[in-house]
């Protein structure tokens, strides 16, 4: 059985990109009980539409219900579960055992996936959750491939295993973090994390009020908790051989461009693996794609038994490319574009077609909405046309390397 590529969606635009660029399943949240409160997320009307669109393409939709609800919140859970079920979703992603029980009662037709928030690290817990009705467990990110293989060997083969293979890591255990609550009052376990692990810190001496001391000599401060990003695209064979069913991309708070690029890269890598078998090697362009999204320094997390490492130099992102336009259509030798960032006639752009391999294109003469020739596209959402012999598929993302 082939592995599943599971992509994130924080809003409908992200959902559309995940669908376009080859996800087998998409996970998202409703307006309540999801572990990401910053994204727009989905009201029930939008959710129902998204589910229908996904099912028309043979793609599944999983709804996160993975906060740790308090007493007053748990009372709203039955109505929420019934509404999600009515929208036709395929599964719920759950962290709380009480919610597991409620889901069995109020949404019995939906599969129950146990969230990584539950911190599943051994076969006994995984099997117990299966016996309680879970069809899948999302394993803790702290596990090695050997640990995962051990869980696979000692649990019911019908229990599916899911792991994160790409995206942000968290310094806390499986996402259960209290730093944000202590420092800002924003509860990470209710989806409102302020990401204080990315901040820079100084040392204060007890009796010297108002004075701070850098923990290292540089003036930039010290980033104590700032984890590197996970990237396992070069090691998908090892992950699949460990018995993993679902390969999960982190990023429900990320932009649609991120979802498109990362989903496309893992889609091609996974398809190539199944086509090539033991002779599989990652095509260089696929790895290069992951450098074209905003990210922190990559590593392989805990999979090979080493700690993922911290980026103590800074808390920012590596940003090498930006989207400058989207192709709305291509017909009769003309590309119809919508501008997203400034670009010029003569620029060489990197084009990512839907579910395709990127290629380069030099911008020819362009015209604006009034049919006037323009040398530059400076206005956000400006409509442009360009006559070109190079077909640019509808939905393509046009990117430009940033000058650093």
Protein backbone atom coordinates (compact mmCIF):
# COMPACT_ATOMS: atom_id res chain seq x y z
CA UNK A 1 0.00 0.00 0.00
CA UNK A 2 1.41 3.38 -0.99
CA UNK A 3 2.08 6.11 1.53
CA UNK A 4 -0.25 9.07 1.85
CA UNK A 5 0.92 12.65 1.34
CA UNK A 6 -0.89 14.82 3.87
CA UNK A 7 -0.78 18.59 3.33
CA UNK A 8 -1.90 21.49 5.56
CA UNK A 9 -4.48 24.18 4.85
CA UNK A 10 -5.04 27.24 7.03
CA UNK A 11 -7.58 28.75 4.63
CA UNK A 12 -9.33 28.07 1.32
CA UNK A 13 -6.45 29.43 -0.79
CA UNK A 14 -4.03 27.04 0.90
CA UNK A 15 -6.54 24.24 0.48
CA UNK A 16 -6.80 24.92 -3.26
CA UNK A 17 -3.02 24.81 -3.62
CA UNK A 18 -2.74 21.55 -1.70
CA UNK A 19 -5.39 20.09 -3.98
CA UNK A 20 -3.74 21.43 -7.14
CA UNK A 21 -0.23 20.30 -6.27
CA UNK A 22 -0.96 16.71 -5.44
CA UNK A 23 -1.94 16.06 -1.83
CA UNK A 24 -3.61 12.71 -1.11
CA UNK A 25 -5.25 14.20 1.97
CA UNK A 26 -5.55 17.66 3.52
CA UNK A 27 -5.84 18.56 7.19
CA UNK A 28 -7.50 21.75 8.36
CA UNK A 29 -9.45 23.27 11.23
CA UNK A 30 -12.90 24.61 11.85
CA UNK A 31 -13.53 27.85 13.71
CA UNK A 32 -13.10 26.08 17.07
CA UNK A 33 -10.87 23.50 18.74
CA UNK A 34 -7.96 23.58 16.28
CA UNK A 35 -4.35 24.02 17.39
CA UNK A 36 -3.81 27.02 15.10
CA UNK A 37 -5.97 30.05 15.86
CA UNK A 38 -4.05 32.57 13.71
CA UNK A 39 -5.12 31.24 10.27
CA UNK A 40 -8.57 32.03 8.88
CA UNK A 41 -9.56 28.36 9.13
CA UNK A 42 -12.93 27.10 7.85
CA UNK A 43 -16.52 27.89 8.74
CA UNK A 44 -18.95 25.04 8.12
CA UNK A 45 -20.13 26.32 4.73
CA UNK A 46 -16.57 26.62 3.46
CA UNK A 47 -15.69 23.26 4.96
CA UNK A 48 -18.58 21.54 3.20
CA UNK A 49 -17.54 23.06 -0.13
CA UNK A 50 -13.90 22.08 0.40
CA UNK A 51 -14.80 18.51 1.29
CA UNK A 52 -16.88 18.14 -1.85
CA UNK A 53 -14.08 19.54 -4.03
CA UNK A 54 -11.56 17.21 -2.42
CA UNK A 55 -13.76 14.13 -2.74
CA UNK A 56 -14.36 14.91 -6.41
CA UNK A 57 -10.59 14.46 -6.87
CA UNK A 58 -10.30 11.44 -4.60
CA UNK A 59 -8.65 13.47 -1.81
CA UNK A 60 -9.54 13.06 1.87
CA UNK A 61 -10.11 15.83 4.43
CA UNK A 62 -9.17 15.56 8.09
CA UNK A 63 -10.43 18.14 10.60
CA UNK A 64 -8.25 18.99 13.58
CA UNK A 65 -9.99 18.88 16.92
CA UNK A 66 -6.80 18.71 18.91
CA UNK A 67 -6.88 21.42 21.55
CA UNK A 68 -7.14 20.43 25.20
CA UNK A 69 -10.62 21.79 26.01
CA UNK A 70 -11.56 23.02 29.49
CA UNK A 71 -14.92 22.36 31.15
CA UNK A 72 -16.78 25.24 29.53
CA UNK A 73 -15.39 24.32 26.11
CA UNK A 74 -16.16 20.61 26.26
CA UNK A 75 -19.86 21.45 26.53
CA UNK A 76 -19.73 22.88 23.00
CA UNK A 77 -18.00 19.84 21.58
CA UNK A 78 -20.99 17.61 20.66
CA UNK A 79 -22.56 20.25 18.40
CA UNK A 80 -19.19 20.90 16.74
CA UNK A 81 -18.60 17.21 16.09
CA UNK A 82 -22.05 16.74 14.59
CA UNK A 83 -21.52 19.72 12.29
CA UNK A 84 -18.15 18.43 11.06
CA UNK A 85 -19.69 15.05 10.35
CA UNK A 86 -22.53 16.70 8.42
CA UNK A 87 -19.93 18.42 6.21
CA UNK A 88 -18.70 15.02 5.05
CA UNK A 89 -15.14 15.11 6.46
CA UNK A 90 -13.23 11.83 6.55
CA UNK A 91 -11.58 11.99 9.96
CA UNK A 92 -11.04 13.97 13.14
CA UNK A 93 -7.58 14.58 14.59
CA UNK A 94 -7.95 14.40 18.38
CA UNK A 95 -5.60 14.85 21.34
CA UNK A 96 -7.96 14.54 24.32
CA UNK A 97 -9.40 11.20 25.48
CA UNK A 98 -12.68 12.80 26.46
CA UNK A 99 -13.04 14.18 22.95
CA UNK A 100 -12.27 10.69 21.61
CA UNK A 101 -15.26 9.37 23.54
CA UNK A 102 -17.51 12.21 22.38
CA UNK A 103 -16.46 11.70 18.76
CA UNK A 104 -17.49 8.05 18.94
CA UNK A 105 -20.89 9.16 20.16
CA UNK A 106 -21.60 12.26 18.06
CA UNK A 107 -19.59 11.57 14.88
CA UNK A 108 -19.40 7.77 14.72
CA UNK A 109 -18.85 7.59 10.94
CA UNK A 110 -15.70 9.71 11.06
CA UNK A 111 -12.36 8.03 11.59
CA UNK A 112 -10.50 9.09 14.72
CA UNK A 113 -6.82 10.01 14.36
CA UNK A 114 -4.87 10.63 17.56
CA UNK A 115 -2.90 13.87 17.38
CA UNK A 116 0.82 14.22 18.00
CA UNK A 117 -0.30 16.32 20.99
CA UNK A 118 -1.08 13.03 22.72
CA UNK A 119 2.64 12.20 22.77
CA UNK A 120 2.45 8.56 21.62
CA UNK A 121 5.95 7.09 22.00
CA UNK A 122 5.40 3.34 22.54
CA UNK A 123 3.49 0.40 21.09
CA UNK A 124 1.44 -0.20 24.25
CA UNK A 125 -0.16 3.26 24.06
CA UNK A 126 -0.63 3.02 20.30
CA UNK A 127 -2.40 -0.34 20.62
CA UNK A 128 -4.56 0.90 23.50
CA UNK A 129 -5.69 3.85 21.39
CA UNK A 130 -6.53 1.51 18.51
CA UNK A 131 -8.56 -0.64 20.91
CA UNK A 132 -10.40 2.55 21.94
CA UNK A 133 -11.41 3.21 18.35
CA UNK A 134 -8.52 5.14 16.80
CA UNK A 135 -7.77 4.19 13.21
CA UNK A 136 -4.50 6.16 13.17
CA UNK A 137 -1.97 7.66 15.57
CA UNK A 138 0.21 10.65 14.74
CA UNK A 139 3.40 9.67 16.51
CA UNK A 140 5.42 12.00 18.72
CA UNK A 141 8.13 13.88 16.82
CA UNK A 142 10.74 12.75 19.35
CA UNK A 143 10.84 9.18 17.98
CA UNK A 144 13.61 7.61 15.92
CA UNK A 145 12.99 5.44 12.87
CA UNK A 146 13.91 2.44 15.02
CA UNK A 147 11.28 3.46 17.58
CA UNK A 148 8.68 3.79 14.83
CA UNK A 149 9.53 0.39 13.37
CA UNK A 150 9.17 -1.12 16.84
CA UNK A 151 5.69 0.36 17.23
CA UNK A 152 4.73 -0.93 13.80
CA UNK A 153 5.91 -4.44 14.62
CA UNK A 154 3.95 -4.69 17.87
CA UNK A 155 0.61 -3.11 17.01
CA UNK A 156 -2.38 -4.27 15.01
CA UNK A 157 -1.46 -3.89 11.30
CA UNK A 158 -4.79 -2.14 10.72
CA UNK A 159 -3.63 0.77 12.88
CA UNK A 160 -2.16 3.44 10.61
CA UNK A 161 0.95 5.39 11.64
CA UNK A 162 1.45 9.03 10.67
CA UNK A 163 4.57 11.16 11.15
CA UNK A 164 5.64 14.70 10.35
CA UNK A 165 8.29 14.77 7.61
CA UNK A 166 8.59 18.50 6.96
CA UNK A 167 8.15 21.84 8.70
CA UNK A 168 8.64 23.69 11.96
CA UNK A 169 9.79 21.83 15.05
CA UNK A 170 8.91 22.72 18.63
CA UNK A 171 11.25 22.78 21.61
CA UNK A 172 8.54 21.32 23.85
CA UNK A 173 7.48 17.70 24.03
CA UNK A 174 5.12 17.03 21.13
CA UNK A 175 3.87 20.59 21.15
CA UNK A 176 2.76 20.68 24.80
CA UNK A 177 4.35 23.99 25.76
CA UNK A 178 3.58 26.48 28.54
CA UNK A 179 6.17 29.18 27.74
CA UNK A 180 3.70 31.19 25.67
CA UNK A 181 1.08 31.08 28.43
CA UNK A 182 3.56 32.24 31.05
CA UNK A 183 5.03 35.10 29.02
CA UNK A 184 2.05 36.37 27.03
CA UNK A 185 -1.13 34.78 28.34
CA UNK A 186 -1.64 33.11 24.94
CA UNK A 187 -2.20 29.38 25.40
CA UNK A 188 -0.32 27.17 22.93
CA UNK A 189 -2.61 24.28 23.84
CA UNK A 190 -5.56 26.25 22.55
CA UNK A 191 -3.88 27.11 19.26
CA UNK A 192 -2.72 30.61 20.23
CA UNK A 193 1.04 30.19 20.59
CA UNK A 194 3.05 33.44 20.46
CA UNK A 195 6.21 31.45 19.56
CA UNK A 196 8.44 32.78 22.37
CA UNK A 197 10.88 29.99 21.53
CA UNK A 198 11.88 32.11 18.52
CA UNK A 199 12.65 35.23 20.56
CA UNK A 200 16.09 36.39 21.64
CA UNK A 201 16.90 36.39 25.34
CA UNK A 202 19.16 38.32 27.69
CA UNK A 203 20.26 37.65 31.25
CA UNK A 204 19.16 40.01 34.06
CA UNK A 205 21.02 40.13 37.37
CA UNK A 206 18.72 40.19 40.39
CA UNK A 207 20.01 43.37 42.06
CA UNK A 208 20.82 45.45 38.97
CA UNK A 209 17.38 46.60 37.91
CA UNK A 210 17.12 47.82 34.36
CA UNK A 211 20.43 46.30 33.26
CA UNK A 212 20.67 43.34 30.95
CA UNK A 213 23.60 41.17 29.97
CA UNK A 214 23.87 39.33 26.65
CA UNK A 215 24.46 35.63 27.22
CA UNK A 216 26.99 35.72 24.39
CA UNK A 217 29.23 38.47 23.18
CA UNK A 218 27.37 39.46 20.01
CA UNK A 219 24.75 42.17 20.35
CA UNK A 220 22.08 40.13 18.59
CA UNK A 221 21.21 38.29 21.77
CA UNK A 222 20.87 34.51 22.22
CA UNK A 223 18.11 32.33 20.83
CA UNK A 224 17.84 29.58 23.44
CA UNK A 225 14.90 27.53 22.17
CA UNK A 226 14.78 28.15 18.42
CA UNK A 227 14.57 24.75 16.70
CA UNK A 228 15.66 24.10 13.14
CA UNK A 229 13.05 23.01 10.59
CA UNK A 230 12.45 19.37 9.75
CA UNK A 231 13.12 18.10 6.22
CA UNK A 232 13.03 14.38 5.39
CA UNK A 233 12.58 14.58 1.63
CA UNK A 234 15.89 12.83 0.99
CA UNK A 235 14.95 10.00 3.34
CA UNK A 236 11.37 9.10 2.44
CA UNK A 237 12.44 5.53 1.72
CA UNK A 238 13.60 5.08 5.30
CA UNK A 239 10.38 6.56 6.69
CA UNK A 240 8.16 4.33 4.57
CA UNK A 241 10.21 1.22 5.34
CA UNK A 242 9.70 1.90 9.05
CA UNK A 243 5.98 1.25 8.49
CA UNK A 244 4.60 4.76 8.19
CA UNK A 245 1.35 5.20 6.27
CA UNK A 246 0.96 8.99 6.20
CA UNK A 247 3.69 11.57 5.53
CA UNK A 248 2.62 14.86 7.07
CA UNK A 249 3.71 18.37 6.14
CA UNK A 250 3.52 20.92 8.96
CA UNK A 251 2.18 24.37 8.11
CA UNK A 252 -1.44 25.31 8.77
CA UNK A 253 -0.20 28.80 9.64
CA UNK A 254 1.91 29.03 6.47
CA UNK A 255 1.05 30.85 3.23
CA UNK A 256 -0.49 29.25 0.15
CA UNK A 257 2.83 29.54 -1.70
CA UNK A 258 4.53 27.41 0.96
CA UNK A 259 1.78 24.79 0.71
CA UNK A 260 2.07 24.68 -3.09
CA UNK A 261 5.84 24.35 -3.27
CA UNK A 262 6.31 21.85 -0.45
CA UNK A 263 3.36 19.68 -1.49
CA UNK A 264 4.61 19.63 -5.07
CA UNK A 265 8.14 18.67 -4.01
CA UNK A 266 7.03 15.79 -1.79
CA UNK A 267 4.49 14.64 -4.39
CA UNK A 268 7.22 14.25 -7.02
CA UNK A 269 9.65 12.68 -4.55
CA UNK A 270 7.07 10.13 -3.44
CA UNK A 271 5.98 9.29 -6.99
CA UNK A 272 9.60 8.88 -8.07
CA UNK A 273 10.25 6.57 -5.14
CA UNK A 274 7.41 4.25 -6.10
CA UNK A 275 8.44 4.34 -9.76
CA UNK A 276 12.14 3.66 -9.10
CA UNK A 277 11.97 1.36 -6.10
CA UNK A 278 15.30 0.47 -4.51
CA UNK A 279 17.12 2.53 -7.14
CA UNK A 280 15.42 5.71 -5.99
CA UNK A 281 17.45 8.86 -5.67
CA UNK A 282 16.03 12.31 -5.14
CA UNK A 283 16.08 14.51 -8.25
CA UNK A 284 18.19 17.60 -7.45
CA UNK A 285 15.47 20.04 -8.55
CA UNK A 286 13.12 18.65 -5.91
CA UNK A 287 15.52 19.39 -3.06
CA UNK A 288 16.20 22.83 -4.54
CA UNK A 289 12.47 23.64 -4.45
CA UNK A 290 12.48 23.49 -0.66
CA UNK A 291 15.06 26.28 -0.59
CA UNK A 292 12.57 28.49 -2.44
CA UNK A 293 10.15 28.75 0.47
CA UNK A 294 10.64 30.66 3.70
CA UNK A 295 12.25 28.30 6.21
CA UNK A 296 14.76 27.93 8.99
CA UNK A 297 17.89 25.80 8.56
CA UNK A 298 16.85 22.22 7.81
CA UNK A 299 17.75 18.98 9.53
CA UNK A 300 16.36 15.47 10.05
CA UNK A 301 14.89 15.94 13.52
CA UNK A 302 15.06 12.91 15.83
CA UNK A 303 14.63 10.29 13.10
CA UNK A 304 18.26 9.14 13.19
CA UNK A 305 18.69 9.33 16.93
CA UNK A 306 20.24 12.77 17.21
CA UNK A 307 18.64 15.89 18.63
CA UNK A 308 17.32 18.27 15.97
CA UNK A 309 19.54 21.12 17.09
CA UNK A 310 18.84 24.74 17.78
CA UNK A 311 19.52 27.77 15.63
CA UNK A 312 21.15 30.00 18.22
CA UNK A 313 22.32 32.67 15.75
CA UNK A 314 18.96 34.24 14.99
CA UNK A 315 15.22 33.62 15.10
CA UNK A 316 14.45 34.57 11.52
CA UNK A 317 13.79 32.76 8.29
CA UNK A 318 15.79 32.06 5.15
CA UNK A 319 13.91 33.78 2.33
CA UNK A 320 15.49 33.51 -1.12
CA UNK A 321 12.49 33.78 -3.45
CA UNK A 322 9.22 35.68 -3.66
CA UNK A 323 6.13 35.17 -5.80
CA UNK A 324 5.79 38.07 -8.25
CA UNK A 325 2.77 36.91 -10.26
CA UNK A 326 0.20 34.19 -10.79
CA UNK A 327 -0.86 33.02 -14.24
CA UNK A 328 -4.63 33.31 -14.52
CA UNK A 329 -4.73 31.82 -18.03
CA UNK A 330 -2.72 31.08 -21.14
CA UNK A 331 -4.40 31.05 -24.54
CA UNK A 332 -3.56 31.91 -28.13
CA UNK A 333 0.05 32.63 -27.21
CA UNK A 334 -0.78 35.13 -24.49
CA UNK A 335 -0.17 34.77 -20.74
CA UNK A 336 -2.67 36.54 -18.47
CA UNK A 337 -1.02 37.45 -15.18
CA UNK A 338 -1.92 38.97 -11.82
CA UNK A 339 0.95 40.78 -10.13
CA UNK A 340 1.86 39.94 -6.53
CA UNK A 341 5.25 41.66 -6.19
CA UNK A 342 7.28 44.09 -8.29
CA UNK A 343 9.04 42.72 -11.39
CA UNK A 344 10.39 44.07 -14.69
CA UNK A 345 10.46 43.28 -18.40
CA UNK A 346 13.68 41.34 -18.96
CA UNK A 347 13.64 39.63 -15.54
CA UNK A 348 14.25 35.90 -15.54
CA UNK A 349 11.49 34.29 -13.51
CA UNK A 350 11.28 30.81 -12.06
CA UNK A 351 7.90 29.30 -12.94
CA UNK A 352 6.23 26.53 -10.96
CA UNK A 353 3.36 25.02 -12.99
CA UNK A 354 0.60 23.06 -11.21
CA UNK A 355 1.92 19.62 -10.32
CA UNK A 356 4.83 20.21 -12.67
CA UNK A 357 8.57 20.72 -12.89
CA UNK A 358 9.76 24.34 -12.63
CA UNK A 359 11.29 26.14 -15.59
CA UNK A 360 12.79 29.56 -16.33
CA UNK A 361 11.11 32.31 -18.38
CA UNK A 362 12.39 35.72 -19.35
CA UNK A 363 9.66 38.36 -19.14
CA UNK A 364 8.90 39.77 -22.62
CA UNK A 365 7.02 42.99 -23.37
CA UNK A 366 3.95 43.41 -21.16
CA UNK A 367 0.73 45.38 -21.34
CA UNK A 368 -1.49 46.64 -18.53
CA UNK A 369 -5.29 46.57 -18.31
CA UNK A 370 -5.53 49.56 -20.66
CA UNK A 371 -3.44 47.88 -23.35
CA UNK A 372 -0.44 50.15 -22.69
CA UNK A 373 3.04 48.69 -22.79
CA UNK A 374 4.76 48.76 -19.38
CA UNK A 375 8.34 48.06 -18.39
CA UNK A 376 7.54 47.22 -14.79
CA UNK A 377 4.69 45.74 -12.76
CA UNK A 378 4.65 47.86 -9.59
CA UNK A 379 1.04 47.64 -8.40
CA UNK A 380 -0.32 44.85 -6.23
CA UNK A 381 -2.92 42.69 -8.02
CA UNK A 382 -2.32 44.53 -11.31
CA UNK A 383 -3.59 42.64 -14.38
CA UNK A 384 -1.02 42.13 -17.13
CA UNK A 385 -0.68 40.33 -20.46
CA UNK A 386 2.45 39.04 -22.18
CA UNK A 387 2.71 37.51 -25.64
CA UNK A 388 5.03 34.50 -25.39
CA UNK A 389 5.78 31.28 -27.22
CA UNK A 390 6.38 29.60 -23.87
CA UNK A 391 3.11 28.09 -22.63
CA UNK A 392 2.55 29.02 -19.00
CA UNK A 393 -0.13 26.74 -17.54
CA UNK A 394 -3.05 28.30 -15.72
CA UNK A 395 -2.37 28.50 -12.01
CA UNK A 396 1.41 28.67 -12.38
CA UNK A 397 3.34 30.61 -9.74
CA UNK A 398 5.95 33.03 -11.11
CA UNK A 399 8.87 33.55 -8.74
CA UNK A 400 11.87 35.85 -8.61
CA UNK A 401 15.07 35.29 -6.67
CA UNK A 402 15.57 38.02 -4.11
CA UNK A 403 18.66 40.19 -4.16
CA UNK A 404 20.23 39.61 -0.75
